[in-house]
Amino acid sequence: MHDDHDHHDHDHHHDNHYSDMQARVKALETVLTEKGLIDPAAIDTIVDTYETKVGPRNGARVVAKAWSDPDFADWLRRDATAAISSLGYTGRQGEHMRAVFNSDDTHNLVVCTLCSCYPWSVLGLPPVWYKAPAYRSRAVIDPRGVLAEFGVTLPAEKKVRVWDSTAELRYLVIPQRPEGTDGWSEEQLADLVSRDAMIGAGVAAVPGIAA
């Protein structure tokens, strides 16, 4: 789905505060713990793995390598699945990948209109707003407005291209490399890349300016 659109009612600032849902989850966890059916420490370890190890840091390293290595960037364009796997990032919902590159004339945004298909191996756990019906609908209808809600204002002449993630194919947005990063190491570059930028709901951080 390559529609050129503009906006988003994903209620970015609201969908992250499901206090009632969090309370239900906590209550369920308490009951299951008391019955000896789960180990909270094990759950914390799993969550930490997807949030910090099998997560956005992996994707950020892919982006940083693409910025630093033209041959890798070309491989990523041709066969993202293989290129990403070469770095050791594969597995759950990351078996079939496509990388889409932002440019001076095009900004890419990823959505899953049917559910919440998402490449866990490179982006970790999907954010609440990505799964919200409001984001899934408005990202298609008005992506430019959606981006504005995330603080991303694009020039009128820049095209917004929306990609629909599916169970068969998931996407990784390669944001544009910020100016002023010549000579930076891949590790330094990776620090500029956020999860939102790799979904297309953000851009890479500018050196010296907080993301």
Foldseek 3Di string as FASTA:
>chain_A
DWDFAAAFPLPVVPLQCPVVVVVVVVVVVVVCVVVVNDDVVVVVVVQCCLPPPQAQLLQLLLLLCVVVPVVLVVVLQVAVQVSSVVVVQDDDLSNAEHEDEDDPAEFEAEAALPAQRARSRNHGDDRSSRGGNRGSPGCNHRVNRHLVVLVDHDPPRHTYTYDHADSRYDYWYNADQAPPCPPPDSVVSSVQDDSCVRNRSDHGHHPPDDD
